[in-house]
Amino acid sequence: MKTTELTKQLRDMDTAALNQELVASLREQFNLRMQNATKQLTQTHQLKQVRRKIACIRTILQDKAGQAS
């Protein structure tokens, strides 16, 4: 999925859904880091993708929090 498509999907979500997505992405990042540490991860580009997804989610959450104030 392209970044712009992901961003559009995330912006359409409400805050509760974004928080759930953030928790799931953080859990995924942890699992990928453990696989990388034990040399089981073959597709290392996934680490970068998940890290950027987390940053995008956090940015959108900050935007939504700023608009609510």
PDB file of N, CA and C in Angstrom:
ATOM      1  N   MET A   1       0.845  -1.173   0.000  1.00  0.00           N
ATOM      2  CA  MET A   1       0.000   0.000   0.000  1.00  0.00           C
ATOM      3  C   MET A   1       0.888   1.233   0.000  1.00  0.00           C
ATOM      4  N   LYS A   2       0.512   2.206  -0.794  1.00  0.00           N
ATOM      5  CA  LYS A   2       1.294   3.428  -0.872  1.00  0.00           C
ATOM      6  C   LYS A   2       1.075   4.276   0.371  1.00  0.00           C
ATOM      7  N   THR A   3       2.015   5.144   0.621  1.00  0.00           N
ATOM      8  CA  THR A   3       1.946   5.995   1.803  1.00  0.00           C
ATOM      9  C   THR A   3       0.748   6.926   1.766  1.00  0.00           C
ATOM     10  N   THR A   4       0.439   7.471   0.600  1.00  0.00           N
ATOM     11  CA  THR A   4      -0.690   8.398   0.516  1.00  0.00           C
ATOM     12  C   THR A   4      -2.007   7.682   0.774  1.00  0.00           C
ATOM     13  N   GLU A   5      -2.135   6.460   0.297  1.00  0.00           N
ATOM     14  CA  GLU A   5      -3.340   5.684   0.556  1.00  0.00           C
ATOM     15  C   GLU A   5      -3.465   5.378   2.038  1.00  0.00           C
ATOM     16  N   LEU A   6      -2.360   5.014   2.663  1.00  0.00           N
ATOM     17  CA  LEU A   6      -2.354   4.734   4.094  1.00  0.00           C
ATOM     18  C   LEU A   6      -2.734   5.977   4.890  1.00  0.00           C
ATOM     19  N   THR A   7      -2.193   7.118   4.508  1.00  0.00           N
ATOM     20  CA  THR A   7      -2.488   8.363   5.204  1.00  0.00           C
ATOM     21  C   THR A   7      -3.959   8.714   5.089  1.00  0.00           C
ATOM     22  N   LYS A   8      -4.529   8.542   3.911  1.00  0.00           N
ATOM     23  CA  LYS A   8      -5.951   8.833   3.721  1.00  0.00           C
ATOM     24  C   LYS A   8      -6.808   7.927   4.588  1.00  0.00           C
ATOM     25  N   GLN A   9      -6.462   6.646   4.643  1.00  0.00           N
ATOM     26  CA  GLN A   9      -7.212   5.708   5.466  1.00  0.00           C
ATOM     27  C   GLN A   9      -7.114   6.082   6.943  1.00  0.00           C
ATOM     28  N   LEU A  10      -5.917   6.445   7.384  1.00  0.00           N
ATOM     29  CA  LEU A  10      -5.722   6.779   8.795  1.00  0.00           C
ATOM     30  C   LEU A  10      -6.449   8.069   9.162  1.00  0.00           C
ATOM     31  N   ARG A  11      -6.470   9.036   8.274  1.00  0.00           N
ATOM     32  CA  ARG A  11      -7.156  10.298   8.553  1.00  0.00           C
ATOM     33  C   ARG A  11      -8.669  10.113   8.659  1.00  0.00           C
ATOM     34  N   ASP A  12      -9.203   9.097   7.984  1.00  0.00           N
ATOM     35  CA  ASP A  12     -10.634   8.828   8.054  1.00  0.00           C
ATOM     36  C   ASP A  12     -11.041   8.134   9.351  1.00  0.00           C
ATOM     37  N   MET A  13     -10.085   7.559  10.066  1.00  0.00           N
ATOM     38  CA  MET A  13     -10.388   6.853  11.316  1.00  0.00           C
ATOM     39  C   MET A  13     -10.623   7.836  12.450  1.00  0.00           C
ATOM     40  N   ASP A  14     -11.373   7.370  13.461  1.00  0.00           N
ATOM     41  CA  ASP A  14     -11.541   8.198  14.653  1.00  0.00           C
ATOM     42  C   ASP A  14     -10.380   7.933  15.616  1.00  0.00           C
ATOM     43  N   THR A  15     -10.355   8.669  16.698  1.00  0.00           N
ATOM     44  CA  THR A  15      -9.229   8.612  17.630  1.00  0.00           C
ATOM     45  C   THR A  15      -9.083   7.236  18.273  1.00  0.00           C
ATOM     46  N   ALA A  16     -10.184   6.615  18.645  1.00  0.00           N
ATOM     47  CA  ALA A  16     -10.120   5.294  19.282  1.00  0.00           C
ATOM     48  C   ALA A  16      -9.538   4.254  18.325  1.00  0.00           C
ATOM     49  N   ALA A  17      -9.958   4.291  17.078  1.00  0.00           N
ATOM     50  CA  ALA A  17      -9.435   3.348  16.089  1.00  0.00           C
ATOM     51  C   ALA A  17      -7.951   3.600  15.823  1.00  0.00           C
ATOM     52  N   LEU A  18      -7.560   4.874  15.822  1.00  0.00           N
ATOM     53  CA  LEU A  18      -6.141   5.200  15.624  1.00  0.00           C
ATOM     54  C   LEU A  18      -5.298   4.682  16.780  1.00  0.00           C
ATOM     55  N   ASN A  19      -5.827   4.804  17.992  1.00  0.00           N
ATOM     56  CA  ASN A  19      -5.085   4.297  19.159  1.00  0.00           C
ATOM     57  C   ASN A  19      -4.932   2.782  19.086  1.00  0.00           C
ATOM     58  N   GLN A  20      -5.964   2.077  18.648  1.00  0.00           N
ATOM     59  CA  GLN A  20      -5.871   0.633  18.483  1.00  0.00           C
ATOM     60  C   GLN A  20      -4.858   0.271  17.399  1.00  0.00           C
ATOM     61  N   GLU A  21      -4.865   1.024  16.324  1.00  0.00           N
ATOM     62  CA  GLU A  21      -3.909   0.793  15.239  1.00  0.00           C
ATOM     63  C   GLU A  21      -2.478   1.050  15.711  1.00  0.00           C
ATOM     64  N   LEU A  22      -2.310   2.067  16.557  1.00  0.00           N
ATOM     65  CA  LEU A  22      -0.994   2.386  17.100  1.00  0.00           C
ATOM     66  C   LEU A  22      -0.485   1.250  17.975  1.00  0.00           C
ATOM     67  N   VAL A  23      -1.335   0.727  18.836  1.00  0.00           N
ATOM     68  CA  VAL A  23      -0.939  -0.382  19.708  1.00  0.00           C
ATOM     69  C   VAL A  23      -0.568  -1.607  18.874  1.00  0.00           C
ATOM     70  N   ALA A  24      -1.364  -1.890  17.855  1.00  0.00           N
ATOM     71  CA  ALA A  24      -1.070  -3.041  16.993  1.00  0.00           C
ATOM     72  C   ALA A  24       0.250  -2.844  16.251  1.00  0.00           C
ATOM     73  N   SER A  25       0.508  -1.630  15.792  1.00  0.00           N
ATOM     74  CA  SER A  25       1.754  -1.353  15.068  1.00  0.00           C
ATOM     75  C   SER A  25       2.957  -1.425  15.996  1.00  0.00           C
ATOM     76  N   LEU A  26       2.814  -0.956  17.219  1.00  0.00           N
ATOM     77  CA  LEU A  26       3.916  -1.051  18.182  1.00  0.00           C
ATOM     78  C   LEU A  26       4.218  -2.507  18.525  1.00  0.00           C
ATOM     79  N   ARG A  27       3.172  -3.312  18.642  1.00  0.00           N
ATOM     80  CA  ARG A  27       3.364  -4.745  18.904  1.00  0.00           C
ATOM     81  C   ARG A  27       4.059  -5.405  17.713  1.00  0.00           C
ATOM     82  N   GLU A  28       3.649  -5.021  16.501  1.00  0.00           N
ATOM     83  CA  GLU A  28       4.278  -5.561  15.298  1.00  0.00           C
ATOM     84  C   GLU A  28       5.751  -5.157  15.226  1.00  0.00           C
ATOM     85  N   GLN A  29       6.038  -3.915  15.586  1.00  0.00           N
ATOM     86  CA  GLN A  29       7.417  -3.447  15.575  1.00  0.00           C
ATOM     87  C   GLN A  29       8.261  -4.234  16.576  1.00  0.00           C
ATOM     88  N   PHE A  30       7.718  -4.495  17.745  1.00  0.00           N
ATOM     89  CA  PHE A  30       8.441  -5.271  18.754  1.00  0.00           C
ATOM     90  C   PHE A  30       8.752  -6.669  18.226  1.00  0.00           C
ATOM     91  N   ASN A  31       7.747  -7.312  17.632  1.00  0.00           N
ATOM     92  CA  ASN A  31       7.951  -8.662  17.103  1.00  0.00           C
ATOM     93  C   ASN A  31       9.001  -8.672  15.992  1.00  0.00           C
ATOM     94  N   LEU A  32       8.964  -7.663  15.130  1.00  0.00           N
ATOM     95  CA  LEU A  32       9.963  -7.589  14.061  1.00  0.00           C
ATOM     96  C   LEU A  32      11.363  -7.363  14.620  1.00  0.00           C
ATOM     97  N   ARG A  33      11.468  -6.535  15.652  1.00  0.00           N
ATOM     98  CA  ARG A  33      12.775  -6.294  16.271  1.00  0.00           C
ATOM     99  C   ARG A  33      13.328  -7.567  16.894  1.00  0.00           C
ATOM    100  N   MET A  34      12.463  -8.357  17.524  1.00  0.00           N
ATOM    101  CA  MET A  34      12.915  -9.614  18.132  1.00  0.00           C
ATOM    102  C   MET A  34      13.350 -10.608  17.054  1.00  0.00           C
ATOM    103  N   GLN A  35      12.587 -10.657  15.958  1.00  0.00           N
ATOM    104  CA  GLN A  35      12.974 -11.538  14.858  1.00  0.00           C
ATOM    105  C   GLN A  35      14.299 -11.104  14.256  1.00  0.00           C
ATOM    106  N   ASN A  36      14.516  -9.805  14.154  1.00  0.00           N
ATOM    107  CA  ASN A  36      15.763  -9.293  13.602  1.00  0.00           C
ATOM    108  C   ASN A  36      16.933  -9.615  14.521  1.00  0.00           C
ATOM    109  N   ALA A  37      16.711  -9.519  15.819  1.00  0.00           N
ATOM    110  CA  ALA A  37      17.775  -9.781  16.771  1.00  0.00           C
ATOM    111  C   ALA A  37      18.185 -11.252  16.765  1.00  0.00           C
ATOM    112  N   THR A  38      17.225 -12.132  16.502  1.00  0.00           N
ATOM    113  CA  THR A  38      17.527 -13.561  16.478  1.00  0.00           C
ATOM    114  C   THR A  38      17.817 -14.062  15.061  1.00  0.00           C
ATOM    115  N   LYS A  39      18.010 -13.136  14.130  1.00  0.00           N
ATOM    116  CA  LYS A  39      18.362 -13.445  12.731  1.00  0.00           C
ATOM    117  C   LYS A  39      17.292 -14.274  12.019  1.00  0.00           C
ATOM    118  N   GLN A  40      16.032 -14.108  12.414  1.00  0.00           N
ATOM    119  CA  GLN A  40      14.944 -14.817  11.750  1.00  0.00           C
ATOM    120  C   GLN A  40      14.240 -13.948  10.714  1.00  0.00           C
ATOM    121  N   LEU A  41      14.483 -12.643  10.743  1.00  0.00           N
ATOM    122  CA  LEU A  41      13.808 -11.718   9.841  1.00  0.00           C
ATOM    123  C   LEU A  41      14.566 -11.644   8.520  1.00  0.00           C
ATOM    124  N   THR A  42      13.874 -11.992   7.444  1.00  0.00           N
ATOM    125  CA  THR A  42      14.519 -11.950   6.138  1.00  0.00           C
ATOM    126  C   THR A  42      14.156 -10.678   5.375  1.00  0.00           C
ATOM    127  N   GLN A  43      12.985 -10.116   5.647  1.00  0.00           N
ATOM    128  CA  GLN A  43      12.546  -8.906   4.966  1.00  0.00           C
ATOM    129  C   GLN A  43      12.715  -7.714   5.902  1.00  0.00           C
ATOM    130  N   THR A  44      13.934  -7.223   5.973  1.00  0.00           N
ATOM    131  CA  THR A  44      14.256  -6.172   6.929  1.00  0.00           C
ATOM    132  C   THR A  44      13.612  -4.834   6.593  1.00  0.00           C
ATOM    133  N   HIS A  45      13.115  -4.671   5.382  1.00  0.00           N
ATOM    134  CA  HIS A  45      12.447  -3.426   5.013  1.00  0.00           C
ATOM    135  C   HIS A  45      11.152  -3.227   5.797  1.00  0.00           C
ATOM    136  N   GLN A  46      10.624  -4.301   6.365  1.00  0.00           N
ATOM    137  CA  GLN A  46       9.402  -4.195   7.151  1.00  0.00           C
ATOM    138  C   GLN A  46       9.600  -3.328   8.384  1.00  0.00           C
ATOM    139  N   LEU A  47      10.798  -3.347   8.952  1.00  0.00           N
ATOM    140  CA  LEU A  47      11.084  -2.510  10.119  1.00  0.00           C
ATOM    141  C   LEU A  47      10.885  -1.036   9.788  1.00  0.00           C
ATOM    142  N   LYS A  48      11.402  -0.624   8.663  1.00  0.00           N
ATOM    143  CA  LYS A  48      11.283   0.769   8.244  1.00  0.00           C
ATOM    144  C   LYS A  48       9.833   1.134   7.958  1.00  0.00           C
ATOM    145  N   GLN A  49       9.104   0.238   7.307  1.00  0.00           N
ATOM    146  CA  GLN A  49       7.703   0.498   6.988  1.00  0.00           C
ATOM    147  C   GLN A  49       6.863   0.670   8.248  1.00  0.00           C
ATOM    148  N   VAL A  50       7.069  -0.191   9.222  1.00  0.00           N
ATOM    149  CA  VAL A  50       6.289  -0.119  10.460  1.00  0.00           C
ATOM    150  C   VAL A  50       6.663   1.135  11.244  1.00  0.00           C
ATOM    151  N   ARG A  51       7.937   1.467  11.260  1.00  0.00           N
ATOM    152  CA  ARG A  51       8.379   2.671  11.973  1.00  0.00           C
ATOM    153  C   ARG A  51       7.732   3.919  11.383  1.00  0.00           C
ATOM    154  N   ARG A  52       7.666   3.979  10.067  1.00  0.00           N
ATOM    155  CA  ARG A  52       7.042   5.127   9.410  1.00  0.00           C
ATOM    156  C   ARG A  52       5.529   5.154   9.625  1.00  0.00           C
ATOM    157  N   LYS A  53       4.923   3.982   9.671  1.00  0.00           N
ATOM    158  CA  LYS A  53       3.482   3.911   9.929  1.00  0.00           C
ATOM    159  C   LYS A  53       3.173   4.429  11.334  1.00  0.00           C
ATOM    160  N   ILE A  54       4.000   4.065  12.301  1.00  0.00           N
ATOM    161  CA  ILE A  54       3.816   4.539  13.676  1.00  0.00           C
ATOM    162  C   ILE A  54       3.953   6.058  13.723  1.00  0.00           C
ATOM    163  N   ALA A  55       4.941   6.586  13.030  1.00  0.00           N
ATOM    164  CA  ALA A  55       5.134   8.040  13.004  1.00  0.00           C
ATOM    165  C   ALA A  55       3.935   8.736  12.379  1.00  0.00           C
ATOM    166  N   CYS A  56       3.397   8.151  11.322  1.00  0.00           N
ATOM    167  CA  CYS A  56       2.230   8.727  10.651  1.00  0.00           C
ATOM    168  C   CYS A  56       1.021   8.728  11.581  1.00  0.00           C
ATOM    169  N   ILE A  57       0.798   7.627  12.271  1.00  0.00           N
ATOM    170  CA  ILE A  57      -0.335   7.531  13.200  1.00  0.00           C
ATOM    171  C   ILE A  57      -0.196   8.564  14.311  1.00  0.00           C
ATOM    172  N   ARG A  58       1.002   8.669  14.876  1.00  0.00           N
ATOM    173  CA  ARG A  58       1.208   9.637  15.961  1.00  0.00           C
ATOM    174  C   ARG A  58       1.018  11.069  15.481  1.00  0.00           C
ATOM    175  N   THR A  59       1.438  11.367  14.268  1.00  0.00           N
ATOM    176  CA  THR A  59       1.258  12.701  13.710  1.00  0.00           C
ATOM    177  C   THR A  59      -0.219  13.019  13.539  1.00  0.00           C
ATOM    178  N   ILE A  60      -0.968  12.069  13.024  1.00  0.00           N
ATOM    179  CA  ILE A  60      -2.396  12.285  12.815  1.00  0.00           C
ATOM    180  C   ILE A  60      -3.110  12.446  14.160  1.00  0.00           C
ATOM    181  N   LEU A  61      -2.713  11.664  15.150  1.00  0.00           N
ATOM    182  CA  LEU A  61      -3.300  11.810  16.491  1.00  0.00           C
ATOM    183  C   LEU A  61      -3.027  13.194  17.062  1.00  0.00           C
ATOM    184  N   GLN A  62      -1.816  13.707  16.861  1.00  0.00           N
ATOM    185  CA  GLN A  62      -1.486  15.063  17.325  1.00  0.00           C
ATOM    186  C   GLN A  62      -2.312  16.099  16.598  1.00  0.00           C
ATOM    187  N   ASP A  63      -2.505  15.925  15.306  1.00  0.00           N
ATOM    188  CA  ASP A  63      -3.328  16.848  14.524  1.00  0.00           C
ATOM    189  C   ASP A  63      -4.761  16.874  15.039  1.00  0.00           C
ATOM    190  N   LYS A  64      -5.302  15.691  15.300  1.00  0.00           N
ATOM    191  CA  LYS A  64      -6.674  15.592  15.788  1.00  0.00           C
ATOM    192  C   LYS A  64      -6.802  16.214  17.193  1.00  0.00           C
ATOM    193  N   ALA A  65      -5.778  16.027  18.015  1.00  0.00           N
ATOM    194  CA  ALA A  65      -5.801  16.604  19.362  1.00  0.00           C
ATOM    195  C   ALA A  65      -5.726  18.120  19.287  1.00  0.00           C
ATOM    196  N   GLY A  66      -4.968  18.649  18.336  1.00  0.00           N
ATOM    197  CA  GLY A  66      -4.855  20.086  18.156  1.00  0.00           C
ATOM    198  C   GLY A  66      -6.127  20.721  17.640  1.00  0.00           C
ATOM    199  N   GLN A  67      -6.846  20.009  16.811  1.00  0.00           N
ATOM    200  CA  GLN A  67      -8.101  20.518  16.271  1.00  0.00           C
ATOM    201  C   GLN A  67      -9.202  20.515  17.321  1.00  0.00           C
ATOM    202  N   ALA A  68      -9.143  19.575  18.252  1.00  0.00           N
ATOM    203  CA  ALA A  68     -10.181  19.470  19.277  1.00  0.00           C
ATOM    204  C   ALA A  68     -10.067  20.572  20.301  1.00  0.00           C
ATOM    205  N   SER A  69      -8.878  21.103  20.482  1.00  0.00           N
ATOM    206  CA  SER A  69      -8.685  22.146  21.509  1.00  0.00           C
ATOM    207  C   SER A  69      -9.241  23.480  21.099  1.00  0.00           C
TER     208      SER A  69
END
